[in-house]
C-alpha atoms as a PDB file:
ATOM      1  CA  UNK A   1     -40.013 -37.095 -22.874  1.00  0.00           C
ATOM      2  CA  UNK A   2     -37.198 -34.556 -23.254  1.00  0.00           C
ATOM      3  CA  UNK A   3     -35.184 -33.421 -20.239  1.00  0.00           C
ATOM      4  CA  UNK A   4     -35.453 -29.854 -18.864  1.00  0.00           C
ATOM      5  CA  UNK A   5     -31.963 -29.096 -20.156  1.00  0.00           C
ATOM      6  CA  UNK A   6     -32.840 -30.299 -23.644  1.00  0.00           C
ATOM      7  CA  UNK A   7     -35.961 -28.142 -23.575  1.00  0.00           C
ATOM      8  CA  UNK A   8     -33.919 -25.113 -22.536  1.00  0.00           C
ATOM      9  CA  UNK A   9     -31.378 -25.637 -25.296  1.00  0.00           C
ATOM     10  CA  UNK A  10     -34.127 -26.176 -27.863  1.00  0.00           C
ATOM     11  CA  UNK A  11     -35.785 -22.945 -26.763  1.00  0.00           C
ATOM     12  CA  UNK A  12     -32.521 -21.055 -26.997  1.00  0.00           C
ATOM     13  CA  UNK A  13     -31.973 -22.206 -30.568  1.00  0.00           C
ATOM     14  CA  UNK A  14     -35.528 -21.778 -31.835  1.00  0.00           C
ATOM     15  CA  UNK A  15     -36.446 -18.495 -30.121  1.00  0.00           C
ATOM     16  CA  UNK A  16     -33.439 -16.747 -28.662  1.00  0.00           C
ATOM     17  CA  UNK A  17     -30.769 -17.511 -31.222  1.00  0.00           C
ATOM     18  CA  UNK A  18     -32.957 -16.990 -34.254  1.00  0.00           C
ATOM     19  CA  UNK A  19     -33.258 -13.308 -33.335  1.00  0.00           C
ATOM     20  CA  UNK A  20     -29.513 -12.767 -33.803  1.00  0.00           C
ATOM     21  CA  UNK A  21     -28.499 -13.131 -37.477  1.00  0.00           C
ATOM     22  CA  UNK A  22     -24.852 -12.590 -38.354  1.00  0.00           C
ATOM     23  CA  UNK A  23     -24.511  -9.517 -40.531  1.00  0.00           C
ATOM     24  CA  UNK A  24     -22.451  -9.700 -43.727  1.00  0.00           C
ATOM     25  CA  UNK A  25     -21.435  -6.018 -43.495  1.00  0.00           C
ATOM     26  CA  UNK A  26     -20.699  -3.778 -40.560  1.00  0.00           C
ATOM     27  CA  UNK A  27     -23.562  -1.424 -39.698  1.00  0.00           C
ATOM     28  CA  UNK A  28     -22.941   1.905 -38.007  1.00  0.00           C
ATOM     29  CA  UNK A  29     -21.450   1.090 -34.602  1.00  0.00           C
ATOM     30  CA  UNK A  30     -21.746   3.130 -31.424  1.00  0.00           C
ATOM     31  CA  UNK A  31     -19.605   3.141 -28.287  1.00  0.00           C
ATOM     32  CA  UNK A  32     -20.181   5.156 -25.120  1.00  0.00           C
ATOM     33  CA  UNK A  33     -22.743   7.273 -26.906  1.00  0.00           C
ATOM     34  CA  UNK A  34     -20.496   8.105 -29.858  1.00  0.00           C
ATOM     35  CA  UNK A  35     -20.822   6.939 -33.455  1.00  0.00           C
ATOM     36  CA  UNK A  36     -17.596   5.198 -34.452  1.00  0.00           C
ATOM     37  CA  UNK A  37     -15.938   6.320 -37.656  1.00  0.00           C
ATOM     38  CA  UNK A  38     -16.627   3.437 -40.020  1.00  0.00           C
ATOM     39  CA  UNK A  39     -13.642   3.845 -42.358  1.00  0.00           C
ATOM     40  CA  UNK A  40     -11.768   0.612 -43.103  1.00  0.00           C
ATOM     41  CA  UNK A  41      -8.732   2.143 -41.396  1.00  0.00           C
ATOM     42  CA  UNK A  42     -10.655   2.859 -38.184  1.00  0.00           C
ATOM     43  CA  UNK A  43     -12.898  -0.149 -37.526  1.00  0.00           C
ATOM     44  CA  UNK A  44     -12.708  -3.847 -38.360  1.00  0.00           C
ATOM     45  CA  UNK A  45     -13.325  -7.425 -37.276  1.00  0.00           C
ATOM     46  CA  UNK A  46     -11.367  -9.455 -34.738  1.00  0.00           C
ATOM     47  CA  UNK A  47      -9.017 -12.079 -36.107  1.00  0.00           C
ATOM     48  CA  UNK A  48     -10.379 -15.571 -35.400  1.00  0.00           C
ATOM     49  CA  UNK A  49      -7.561 -17.778 -34.099  1.00  0.00           C
ATOM     50  CA  UNK A  50      -9.572 -20.981 -33.756  1.00  0.00           C
ATOM     51  CA  UNK A  51      -7.614 -22.313 -36.760  1.00  0.00           C
ATOM     52  CA  UNK A  52      -4.512 -22.342 -34.527  1.00  0.00           C
ATOM     53  CA  UNK A  53      -6.206 -23.788 -31.436  1.00  0.00           C
ATOM     54  CA  UNK A  54      -3.763 -26.711 -31.277  1.00  0.00           C
ATOM     55  CA  UNK A  55      -0.644 -24.709 -32.216  1.00  0.00           C
ATOM     56  CA  UNK A  56       0.469 -23.012 -29.028  1.00  0.00           C
ATOM     57  CA  UNK A  57       3.528 -21.414 -30.621  1.00  0.00           C
ATOM     58  CA  UNK A  58       1.358 -19.762 -33.258  1.00  0.00           C
ATOM     59  CA  UNK A  59      -1.095 -18.620 -30.579  1.00  0.00           C
ATOM     60  CA  UNK A  60       1.736 -17.016 -28.634  1.00  0.00           C
ATOM     61  CA  UNK A  61       2.980 -15.317 -31.797  1.00  0.00           C
ATOM     62  CA  UNK A  62      -0.472 -13.911 -32.559  1.00  0.00           C
ATOM     63  CA  UNK A  63      -0.965 -12.802 -28.963  1.00  0.00           C
ATOM     64  CA  UNK A  64       2.338 -10.917 -29.025  1.00  0.00           C
ATOM     65  CA  UNK A  65       1.426  -9.299 -32.335  1.00  0.00           C
ATOM     66  CA  UNK A  66      -2.253  -8.552 -31.708  1.00  0.00           C
ATOM     67  CA  UNK A  67      -2.511  -8.297 -27.932  1.00  0.00           C
ATOM     68  CA  UNK A  68      -5.507 -10.668 -27.935  1.00  0.00           C
ATOM     69  CA  UNK A  69      -6.771 -14.062 -29.082  1.00  0.00           C
ATOM     70  CA  UNK A  70     -10.332 -14.545 -30.277  1.00  0.00           C
ATOM     71  CA  UNK A  71     -11.306 -18.220 -30.300  1.00  0.00           C
ATOM     72  CA  UNK A  72     -14.577 -18.767 -32.101  1.00  0.00           C
ATOM     73  CA  UNK A  73     -16.471 -21.878 -30.971  1.00  0.00           C
ATOM     74  CA  UNK A  74     -13.672 -23.048 -28.683  1.00  0.00           C
ATOM     75  CA  UNK A  75     -16.040 -23.837 -25.799  1.00  0.00           C
ATOM     76  CA  UNK A  76     -18.970 -26.226 -25.797  1.00  0.00           C
ATOM     77  CA  UNK A  77     -22.049 -24.344 -26.975  1.00  0.00           C
ATOM     78  CA  UNK A  78     -24.499 -26.327 -24.848  1.00  0.00           C
ATOM     79  CA  UNK A  79     -22.422 -25.774 -21.706  1.00  0.00           C
ATOM     80  CA  UNK A  80     -22.435 -22.026 -22.340  1.00  0.00           C
ATOM     81  CA  UNK A  81     -26.204 -22.013 -22.835  1.00  0.00           C
ATOM     82  CA  UNK A  82     -26.718 -24.037 -19.664  1.00  0.00           C
ATOM     83  CA  UNK A  83     -24.612 -21.463 -17.808  1.00  0.00           C
ATOM     84  CA  UNK A  84     -26.745 -18.745 -19.375  1.00  0.00           C
ATOM     85  CA  UNK A  85     -29.870 -20.440 -18.039  1.00  0.00           C
ATOM     86  CA  UNK A  86     -28.449 -20.422 -14.508  1.00  0.00           C
ATOM     87  CA  UNK A  87     -27.611 -16.730 -14.803  1.00  0.00           C
ATOM     88  CA  UNK A  88     -30.916 -15.609 -16.285  1.00  0.00           C
ATOM     89  CA  UNK A  89     -32.732 -17.581 -13.583  1.00  0.00           C
ATOM     90  CA  UNK A  90     -30.715 -15.609 -11.042  1.00  0.00           C
ATOM     91  CA  UNK A  91     -31.460 -12.318 -12.781  1.00  0.00           C
ATOM     92  CA  UNK A  92     -35.154 -13.199 -12.805  1.00  0.00           C
ATOM     93  CA  UNK A  93     -35.062 -13.953  -9.073  1.00  0.00           C
ATOM     94  CA  UNK A  94     -33.380 -10.582  -8.508  1.00  0.00           C
ATOM     95  CA  UNK A  95     -36.258  -8.829 -10.262  1.00  0.00           C
ATOM     96  CA  UNK A  96     -34.212  -7.615 -13.222  1.00  0.00           C
ATOM     97  CA  UNK A  97     -36.118  -9.416 -15.996  1.00  0.00           C
ATOM     98  CA  UNK A  98     -39.525  -8.795 -17.543  1.00  0.00           C
ATOM     99  CA  UNK A  99     -41.760 -11.619 -16.301  1.00  0.00           C
ATOM    100  CA  UNK A 100     -43.791 -11.600 -19.547  1.00  0.00           C
ATOM    101  CA  UNK A 101     -40.912 -13.331 -21.378  1.00  0.00           C
ATOM    102  CA  UNK A 102     -39.020 -16.573 -20.722  1.00  0.00           C
ATOM    103  CA  UNK A 103     -36.074 -15.699 -18.490  1.00  0.00           C
ATOM    104  CA  UNK A 104     -33.640 -17.332 -20.927  1.00  0.00           C
ATOM    105  CA  UNK A 105     -34.325 -14.557 -23.444  1.00  0.00           C
ATOM    106  CA  UNK A 106     -32.848 -11.950 -21.092  1.00  0.00           C
ATOM    107  CA  UNK A 107     -35.550  -9.347 -21.657  1.00  0.00           C
ATOM    108  CA  UNK A 108     -35.090  -6.727 -18.975  1.00  0.00           C
ATOM    109  CA  UNK A 109     -37.438  -4.372 -17.232  1.00  0.00           C
ATOM    110  CA  UNK A 110     -37.257  -0.712 -18.305  1.00  0.00           C
ATOM    111  CA  UNK A 111     -34.270   1.113 -16.887  1.00  0.00           C
ATOM    112  CA  UNK A 112     -32.248  -1.995 -16.035  1.00  0.00           C
ATOM    113  CA  UNK A 113     -29.028  -0.210 -17.022  1.00  0.00           C
ATOM    114  CA  UNK A 114     -25.757  -1.727 -15.851  1.00  0.00           C
ATOM    115  CA  UNK A 115     -26.381  -4.824 -13.729  1.00  0.00           C
ATOM    116  CA  UNK A 116     -23.231  -6.023 -11.940  1.00  0.00           C
ATOM    117  CA  UNK A 117     -23.964  -9.249 -10.072  1.00  0.00           C
ATOM    118  CA  UNK A 118     -20.810 -11.298  -9.503  1.00  0.00           C
ATOM    119  CA  UNK A 119     -22.638 -13.182  -6.739  1.00  0.00           C
ATOM    120  CA  UNK A 120     -24.613 -15.060  -9.402  1.00  0.00           C
ATOM    121  CA  UNK A 121     -21.432 -16.947 -10.283  1.00  0.00           C
ATOM    122  CA  UNK A 122     -20.775 -18.098  -6.708  1.00  0.00           C
ATOM    123  CA  UNK A 123     -21.816 -21.669  -5.905  1.00  0.00           C
ATOM    124  CA  UNK A 124     -22.984 -21.915  -9.515  1.00  0.00           C
ATOM    125  CA  UNK A 125     -21.662 -25.207 -10.944  1.00  0.00           C
ATOM    126  CA  UNK A 126     -22.632 -24.401 -14.538  1.00  0.00           C
ATOM    127  CA  UNK A 127     -20.589 -21.185 -14.528  1.00  0.00           C
ATOM    128  CA  UNK A 128     -17.740 -22.452 -12.350  1.00  0.00           C
ATOM    129  CA  UNK A 129     -17.226 -25.552 -14.495  1.00  0.00           C
ATOM    130  CA  UNK A 130     -17.301 -23.481 -17.659  1.00  0.00           C
ATOM    131  CA  UNK A 131     -14.804 -20.851 -16.518  1.00  0.00           C
ATOM    132  CA  UNK A 132     -12.561 -22.896 -14.245  1.00  0.00           C
ATOM    133  CA  UNK A 133     -12.969 -26.412 -15.623  1.00  0.00           C
ATOM    134  CA  UNK A 134     -10.468 -28.323 -17.759  1.00  0.00           C
ATOM    135  CA  UNK A 135     -11.227 -26.708 -21.125  1.00  0.00           C
ATOM    136  CA  UNK A 136     -10.299 -23.122 -20.237  1.00  0.00           C
ATOM    137  CA  UNK A 137      -7.706 -23.853 -17.569  1.00  0.00           C
ATOM    138  CA  UNK A 138      -6.109 -26.304 -19.995  1.00  0.00           C
ATOM    139  CA  UNK A 139      -5.914 -23.570 -22.595  1.00  0.00           C
ATOM    140  CA  UNK A 140      -4.096 -21.200 -20.247  1.00  0.00           C
ATOM    141  CA  UNK A 141      -1.855 -23.950 -18.897  1.00  0.00           C
ATOM    142  CA  UNK A 142      -0.682 -24.765 -22.415  1.00  0.00           C
ATOM    143  CA  UNK A 143      -0.355 -21.118 -23.358  1.00  0.00           C
ATOM    144  CA  UNK A 144       1.769 -20.268 -20.312  1.00  0.00           C
ATOM    145  CA  UNK A 145       3.656 -23.560 -20.476  1.00  0.00           C
ATOM    146  CA  UNK A 146       3.354 -24.127 -16.732  1.00  0.00           C
ATOM    147  CA  UNK A 147       0.866 -24.484 -13.893  1.00  0.00           C
ATOM    148  CA  UNK A 148      -1.661 -21.689 -13.542  1.00  0.00           C
ATOM    149  CA  UNK A 149      -4.093 -20.238 -11.056  1.00  0.00           C
ATOM    150  CA  UNK A 150      -7.116 -18.014 -11.484  1.00  0.00           C
ATOM    151  CA  UNK A 151      -8.770 -15.255  -9.522  1.00  0.00           C
ATOM    152  CA  UNK A 152     -11.538 -16.414  -7.202  1.00  0.00           C
ATOM    153  CA  UNK A 153     -13.636 -13.371  -8.086  1.00  0.00           C
ATOM    154  CA  UNK A 154     -15.686 -13.537 -11.293  1.00  0.00           C
ATOM    155  CA  UNK A 155     -16.985 -10.363 -12.912  1.00  0.00           C
ATOM    156  CA  UNK A 156     -20.547 -10.995 -14.145  1.00  0.00           C
ATOM    157  CA  UNK A 157     -22.221  -8.212 -16.104  1.00  0.00           C
ATOM    158  CA  UNK A 158     -25.666  -7.841 -17.609  1.00  0.00           C
ATOM    159  CA  UNK A 159     -25.770  -4.644 -19.639  1.00  0.00           C
ATOM    160  CA  UNK A 160     -29.164  -3.188 -20.501  1.00  0.00           C
ATOM    161  CA  UNK A 161     -29.974  -0.720 -23.281  1.00  0.00           C
ATOM    162  CA  UNK A 162     -27.676   2.284 -23.209  1.00  0.00           C
ATOM    163  CA  UNK A 163     -23.987   3.046 -23.116  1.00  0.00           C
ATOM    164  CA  UNK A 164     -21.426   0.262 -23.047  1.00  0.00           C
ATOM    165  CA  UNK A 165     -18.166   0.232 -21.096  1.00  0.00           C
ATOM    166  CA  UNK A 166     -15.799   3.117 -21.733  1.00  0.00           C
ATOM    167  CA  UNK A 167     -12.237   2.450 -22.974  1.00  0.00           C
ATOM    168  CA  UNK A 168      -9.719   1.292 -20.398  1.00  0.00           C
ATOM    169  CA  UNK A 169      -6.946  -1.201 -19.659  1.00  0.00           C
ATOM    170  CA  UNK A 170      -7.366  -3.821 -16.936  1.00  0.00           C
ATOM    171  CA  UNK A 171      -4.084  -3.308 -15.081  1.00  0.00           C
ATOM    172  CA  UNK A 172      -5.182  -0.307 -12.968  1.00  0.00           C
ATOM    173  CA  UNK A 173      -7.860  -2.544 -11.407  1.00  0.00           C
ATOM    174  CA  UNK A 174      -5.687  -5.604 -10.745  1.00  0.00           C
ATOM    175  CA  UNK A 175      -2.022  -4.711 -10.893  1.00  0.00           C
ATOM    176  CA  UNK A 176      -0.717  -5.552  -7.417  1.00  0.00           C
ATOM    177  CA  UNK A 177       0.583  -8.954  -8.448  1.00  0.00           C
ATOM    178  CA  UNK A 178       1.964 -10.049 -11.784  1.00  0.00           C
ATOM    179  CA  UNK A 179       1.389  -7.866 -14.827  1.00  0.00           C
ATOM    180  CA  UNK A 180       1.363 -10.854 -17.159  1.00  0.00           C
ATOM    181  CA  UNK A 181      -2.056 -12.246 -16.272  1.00  0.00           C
ATOM    182  CA  UNK A 182      -4.830 -12.474 -18.835  1.00  0.00           C
ATOM    183  CA  UNK A 183      -8.518 -11.651 -19.014  1.00  0.00           C
ATOM    184  CA  UNK A 184     -11.053 -14.072 -20.492  1.00  0.00           C
ATOM    185  CA  UNK A 185     -14.173 -12.312 -21.753  1.00  0.00           C
ATOM    186  CA  UNK A 186     -16.979 -14.752 -22.434  1.00  0.00           C
ATOM    187  CA  UNK A 187     -20.437 -14.081 -23.945  1.00  0.00           C
ATOM    188  CA  UNK A 188     -23.386 -16.084 -22.613  1.00  0.00           C
ATOM    189  CA  UNK A 189     -25.297 -16.294 -25.872  1.00  0.00           C
ATOM    190  CA  UNK A 190     -25.395 -14.527 -29.206  1.00  0.00           C
ATOM    191  CA  UNK A 191     -24.291 -10.905 -29.078  1.00  0.00           C
ATOM    192  CA  UNK A 192     -25.072  -8.960 -32.222  1.00  0.00           C
ATOM    193  CA  UNK A 193     -23.607  -5.612 -33.164  1.00  0.00           C
ATOM    194  CA  UNK A 194     -26.847  -4.077 -31.930  1.00  0.00           C
ATOM    195  CA  UNK A 195     -26.621  -5.811 -28.551  1.00  0.00           C
ATOM    196  CA  UNK A 196     -23.053  -4.589 -28.297  1.00  0.00           C
ATOM    197  CA  UNK A 197     -20.104  -6.870 -27.526  1.00  0.00           C
ATOM    198  CA  UNK A 198     -16.513  -6.232 -26.535  1.00  0.00           C
ATOM    199  CA  UNK A 199     -14.205  -4.204 -28.768  1.00  0.00           C
ATOM    200  CA  UNK A 200     -10.419  -3.856 -28.592  1.00  0.00           C
ATOM    201  CA  UNK A 201      -8.167  -1.132 -29.945  1.00  0.00           C
ATOM    202  CA  UNK A 202      -5.764  -2.658 -32.427  1.00  0.00           C
ATOM    203  CA  UNK A 203      -2.095  -2.368 -31.485  1.00  0.00           C
ATOM    204  CA  UNK A 204      -2.797  -0.351 -28.352  1.00  0.00           C
ATOM    205  CA  UNK A 205      -0.810  -2.767 -26.144  1.00  0.00           C
ATOM    206  CA  UNK A 206       2.334  -1.516 -27.881  1.00  0.00           C
ATOM    207  CA  UNK A 207       1.644   2.176 -27.264  1.00  0.00           C
ATOM    208  CA  UNK A 208       3.453   2.570 -23.977  1.00  0.00           C
ATOM    209  CA  UNK A 209       4.364   6.096 -25.024  1.00  0.00           C
ATOM    210  CA  UNK A 210       0.680   6.902 -24.469  1.00  0.00           C
ATOM    211  CA  UNK A 211      -0.125   4.375 -21.716  1.00  0.00           C
ATOM    212  CA  UNK A 212       2.782   4.597 -19.264  1.00  0.00           C
ATOM    213  CA  UNK A 213       1.408   7.479 -17.183  1.00  0.00           C
ATOM    214  CA  UNK A 214      -2.001   5.804 -17.046  1.00  0.00           C
ATOM    215  CA  UNK A 215      -1.678   2.051 -16.888  1.00  0.00           C
ATOM    216  CA  UNK A 216       0.499   1.653 -13.782  1.00  0.00           C
ATOM    217  CA  UNK A 217      -1.843   3.652 -11.539  1.00  0.00           C
ATOM    218  CA  UNK A 218      -3.972   1.823  -8.962  1.00  0.00           C
ATOM    219  CA  UNK A 219      -7.653   2.697  -8.688  1.00  0.00           C
ATOM    220  CA  UNK A 220      -7.637   1.697  -5.012  1.00  0.00           C
ATOM    221  CA  UNK A 221      -4.688   3.829  -3.946  1.00  0.00           C
ATOM    222  CA  UNK A 222      -5.073   7.155  -2.194  1.00  0.00           C
ATOM    223  CA  UNK A 223      -2.832   9.876  -0.793  1.00  0.00           C
ATOM    224  CA  UNK A 224      -2.452   9.180   2.919  1.00  0.00           C
ATOM    225  CA  UNK A 225      -1.403  12.782   3.606  1.00  0.00           C
ATOM    226  CA  UNK A 226      -4.659  14.212   2.202  1.00  0.00           C
ATOM    227  CA  UNK A 227      -7.459  14.033   4.817  1.00  0.00           C
ATOM    228  CA  UNK A 228     -10.297  14.071   2.280  1.00  0.00           C
ATOM    229  CA  UNK A 229      -8.870  11.066   0.407  1.00  0.00           C
ATOM    230  CA  UNK A 230      -8.270   9.202   3.664  1.00  0.00           C
ATOM    231  CA  UNK A 231     -11.895   9.810   4.686  1.00  0.00           C
ATOM    232  CA  UNK A 232     -13.192   8.682   1.289  1.00  0.00           C
ATOM    233  CA  UNK A 233     -11.121   5.496   1.423  1.00  0.00           C
ATOM    234  CA  UNK A 234     -12.240   4.688   4.953  1.00  0.00           C
ATOM    235  CA  UNK A 235     -15.945   5.363   4.407  1.00  0.00           C
ATOM    236  CA  UNK A 236     -16.390   4.225   0.812  1.00  0.00           C
ATOM    237  CA  UNK A 237     -17.558   7.692  -0.222  1.00  0.00           C
ATOM    238  CA  UNK A 238     -17.200   9.094  -3.718  1.00  0.00           C
ATOM    239  CA  UNK A 239     -17.105   5.853  -5.641  1.00  0.00           C
ATOM    240  CA  UNK A 240     -15.375   3.565  -3.133  1.00  0.00           C
ATOM    241  CA  UNK A 241     -12.867   6.275  -2.353  1.00  0.00           C
ATOM    242  CA  UNK A 242     -11.251   6.140  -5.793  1.00  0.00           C
ATOM    243  CA  UNK A 243      -9.258   9.234  -6.727  1.00  0.00           C
ATOM    244  CA  UNK A 244      -8.648   7.634 -10.130  1.00  0.00           C
ATOM    245  CA  UNK A 245     -11.431   5.641 -11.794  1.00  0.00           C
ATOM    246  CA  UNK A 246      -9.310   3.739 -14.306  1.00  0.00           C
ATOM    247  CA  UNK A 247     -11.155   5.211 -17.275  1.00  0.00           C
ATOM    248  CA  UNK A 248      -8.911   6.091 -20.191  1.00  0.00           C
ATOM    249  CA  UNK A 249     -11.450   8.026 -22.255  1.00  0.00           C
ATOM    250  CA  UNK A 250     -15.152   8.796 -22.609  1.00  0.00           C
ATOM    251  CA  UNK A 251     -14.797   9.301 -26.364  1.00  0.00           C
ATOM    252  CA  UNK A 252     -13.781   6.160 -28.307  1.00  0.00           C
ATOM    253  CA  UNK A 253     -13.453   7.881 -31.726  1.00  0.00           C
ATOM    254  CA  UNK A 254     -11.122  10.556 -30.344  1.00  0.00           C
ATOM    255  CA  UNK A 255      -9.089   7.941 -28.489  1.00  0.00           C
ATOM    256  CA  UNK A 256      -8.700   5.898 -31.674  1.00  0.00           C
ATOM    257  CA  UNK A 257      -7.463   8.945 -33.560  1.00  0.00           C
ATOM    258  CA  UNK A 258      -4.859   9.490 -30.846  1.00  0.00           C
ATOM    259  CA  UNK A 259      -3.634   5.863 -30.710  1.00  0.00           C
ATOM    260  CA  UNK A 260      -4.106   4.841 -34.330  1.00  0.00           C
ATOM    261  CA  UNK A 261      -5.180   1.313 -35.225  1.00  0.00           C
ATOM    262  CA  UNK A 262      -8.785   0.173 -35.522  1.00  0.00           C
ATOM    263  CA  UNK A 263     -11.566  -0.636 -33.123  1.00  0.00           C
ATOM    264  CA  UNK A 264     -12.021  -4.393 -33.605  1.00  0.00           C
ATOM    265  CA  UNK A 265     -15.144  -6.340 -32.683  1.00  0.00           C
ATOM    266  CA  UNK A 266     -17.456  -9.023 -34.046  1.00  0.00           C
ATOM    267  CA  UNK A 267     -20.829 -10.677 -33.510  1.00  0.00           C
ATOM    268  CA  UNK A 268     -20.298 -13.276 -30.799  1.00  0.00           C
ATOM    269  CA  UNK A 269     -21.926 -16.682 -30.421  1.00  0.00           C
ATOM    270  CA  UNK A 270     -22.151 -19.215 -27.563  1.00  0.00           C
ATOM    271  CA  UNK A 271     -18.805 -20.998 -27.322  1.00  0.00           C
ATOM    272  CA  UNK A 272     -16.684 -18.002 -28.352  1.00  0.00           C
ATOM    273  CA  UNK A 273     -14.225 -16.374 -26.009  1.00  0.00           C
ATOM    274  CA  UNK A 274     -11.773 -13.508 -26.194  1.00  0.00           C
ATOM    275  CA  UNK A 275      -8.607 -13.313 -24.134  1.00  0.00           C
ATOM    276  CA  UNK A 276      -6.166 -10.424 -23.810  1.00  0.00           C
ATOM    277  CA  UNK A 277      -3.483  -8.952 -21.606  1.00  0.00           C
ATOM    278  CA  UNK A 278      -3.438  -6.120 -19.121  1.00  0.00           C
ATOM    279  CA  UNK A 279      -2.142  -3.463 -21.532  1.00  0.00           C
ATOM    280  CA  UNK A 280      -4.706  -3.789 -24.329  1.00  0.00           C
ATOM    281  CA  UNK A 281      -7.179  -0.910 -24.549  1.00  0.00           C
ATOM    282  CA  UNK A 282     -10.733  -2.208 -24.788  1.00  0.00           C
ATOM    283  CA  UNK A 283     -14.349  -1.290 -24.106  1.00  0.00           C
ATOM    284  CA  UNK A 284     -17.708  -2.325 -25.462  1.00  0.00           C
ATOM    285  CA  UNK A 285     -20.248  -1.251 -28.014  1.00  0.00           C
ATOM    286  CA  UNK A 286     -23.462   0.320 -26.804  1.00  0.00           C
ATOM    287  CA  UNK A 287     -26.547  -1.830 -26.309  1.00  0.00           C
ATOM    288  CA  UNK A 288     -28.979  -0.348 -28.821  1.00  0.00           C
ATOM    289  CA  UNK A 289     -31.719  -2.927 -28.386  1.00  0.00           C
ATOM    290  CA  UNK A 290     -35.063  -1.998 -26.888  1.00  0.00           C
ATOM    291  CA  UNK A 291     -35.097  -4.360 -23.932  1.00  0.00           C
ATOM    292  CA  UNK A 292     -32.361  -6.992 -24.107  1.00  0.00           C
ATOM    293  CA  UNK A 293     -29.529  -7.662 -21.662  1.00  0.00           C
ATOM    294  CA  UNK A 294     -26.020  -8.363 -22.906  1.00  0.00           C
ATOM    295  CA  UNK A 295     -24.704 -11.013 -20.484  1.00  0.00           C
ATOM    296  CA  UNK A 296     -20.966 -11.674 -20.207  1.00  0.00           C
ATOM    297  CA  UNK A 297     -18.271 -12.470 -17.681  1.00  0.00           C
ATOM    298  CA  UNK A 298     -14.636 -11.599 -17.101  1.00  0.00           C
ATOM    299  CA  UNK A 299     -12.315 -14.093 -15.435  1.00  0.00           C
ATOM    300  CA  UNK A 300      -8.563 -13.863 -14.909  1.00  0.00           C
ATOM    301  CA  UNK A 301      -5.723 -16.396 -15.189  1.00  0.00           C
ATOM    302  CA  UNK A 302      -1.997 -16.271 -14.502  1.00  0.00           C
ATOM    303  CA  UNK A 303       1.113 -18.330 -13.869  1.00  0.00           C
ATOM    304  CA  UNK A 304       0.937 -19.964 -10.439  1.00  0.00           C
ATOM    305  CA  UNK A 305       4.595 -19.088  -9.911  1.00  0.00           C
ATOM    306  CA  UNK A 306       3.942 -15.334 -10.034  1.00  0.00           C
ATOM    307  CA  UNK A 307       2.491 -13.038  -7.347  1.00  0.00           C
ATOM    308  CA  UNK A 308      -1.271 -12.507  -7.334  1.00  0.00           C
ATOM    309  CA  UNK A 309      -3.368  -9.449  -6.455  1.00  0.00           C
ATOM    310  CA  UNK A 310      -4.771 -10.010  -2.963  1.00  0.00           C
ATOM    311  CA  UNK A 311      -7.982  -8.109  -3.764  1.00  0.00           C
ATOM    312  CA  UNK A 312      -9.325 -10.938  -5.931  1.00  0.00           C
ATOM    313  CA  UNK A 313      -8.563 -14.163  -4.068  1.00  0.00           C
ATOM    314  CA  UNK A 314     -10.031 -16.045  -1.131  1.00  0.00           C
ATOM    315  CA  UNK A 315     -13.583 -17.075  -0.194  1.00  0.00           C
ATOM    316  CA  UNK A 316     -14.697 -13.423   0.044  1.00  0.00           C
ATOM    317  CA  UNK A 317     -12.296 -11.316  -2.034  1.00  0.00           C
ATOM    318  CA  UNK A 318     -12.202  -7.690  -0.806  1.00  0.00           C
ATOM    319  CA  UNK A 319     -12.096  -6.279  -4.337  1.00  0.00           C
ATOM    320  CA  UNK A 320     -12.644  -2.518  -4.500  1.00  0.00           C
ATOM    321  CA  UNK A 321     -14.145  -2.237  -1.027  1.00  0.00           C
ATOM    322  CA  UNK A 322     -12.529  -0.193   1.739  1.00  0.00           C
ATOM    323  CA  UNK A 323     -10.524  -3.311   2.676  1.00  0.00           C
ATOM    324  CA  UNK A 324      -8.804  -3.140  -0.694  1.00  0.00           C
ATOM    325  CA  UNK A 325      -7.599   0.461  -0.347  1.00  0.00           C
ATOM    326  CA  UNK A 326      -3.894   1.220  -0.086  1.00  0.00           C
ATOM    327  CA  UNK A 327      -2.417   4.534   1.102  1.00  0.00           C
ATOM    328  CA  UNK A 328       0.612   6.055  -0.555  1.00  0.00           C
END
């Protein structure tokens, strides 16, 4: 008799994964409600650096040049799918999923929209071991060449049909410590172009002429001499009291024309991960499926010797709550 885990993995391969063929040509892509311009000079595929997985010097060279590393199949596929099972079980318990389908398929109820549930990663061994176990922490330890630490907060997102994430850099949300930390974006299953995975703007990390007045701002800062902003910060009104949301643009095609480069993406599979720095412009494609959730997580890693942003550490990180606000 097969184990429950084996049954889950068999189901994921025979039912869930079969629905996600890899396309040989790019279809029309959409981001934040806009059709991307599909010229070869404006959109393309991520470079796969799994060929250099054991060559840390080459990985550092590519990271400096590209601003990201995409490692196809670097993580254990079965471990990722087991983590997916734990997350979809949690989403089902939260009433997000359509009960007519196996929870593993991630079929959502109408109007699910943007589901942000970082609590599903807490006390979740399958997710914690995947993100903070030896495989990924070993990668960052070798890349940095010294001991590392990670944020205690894990960003878990389940994106229903509709708009993806608008273009932004990560530093405005987590820039109170080092600026040399890295994001790991990880898909929990196959993510087709239609389901809408992460995209990065090629070469944008080098465009400080366009980023400098944006990227060093703090979404949780407010003007302490303006009563309305003080009230918003203290009460959590108007979007947690933010006077600056961290969004760079609501129009990815226009932003690309301003920065140059290409929007780069791919069709992701279990075991893939994408890592990038705080200055790389990125967002996500829209989810153009009828009823599927795109499930992914963001986790952050840095040198242990460098300062860390206090909003994202500890047993109950304050994050973007009123406790994380800072007057200026």
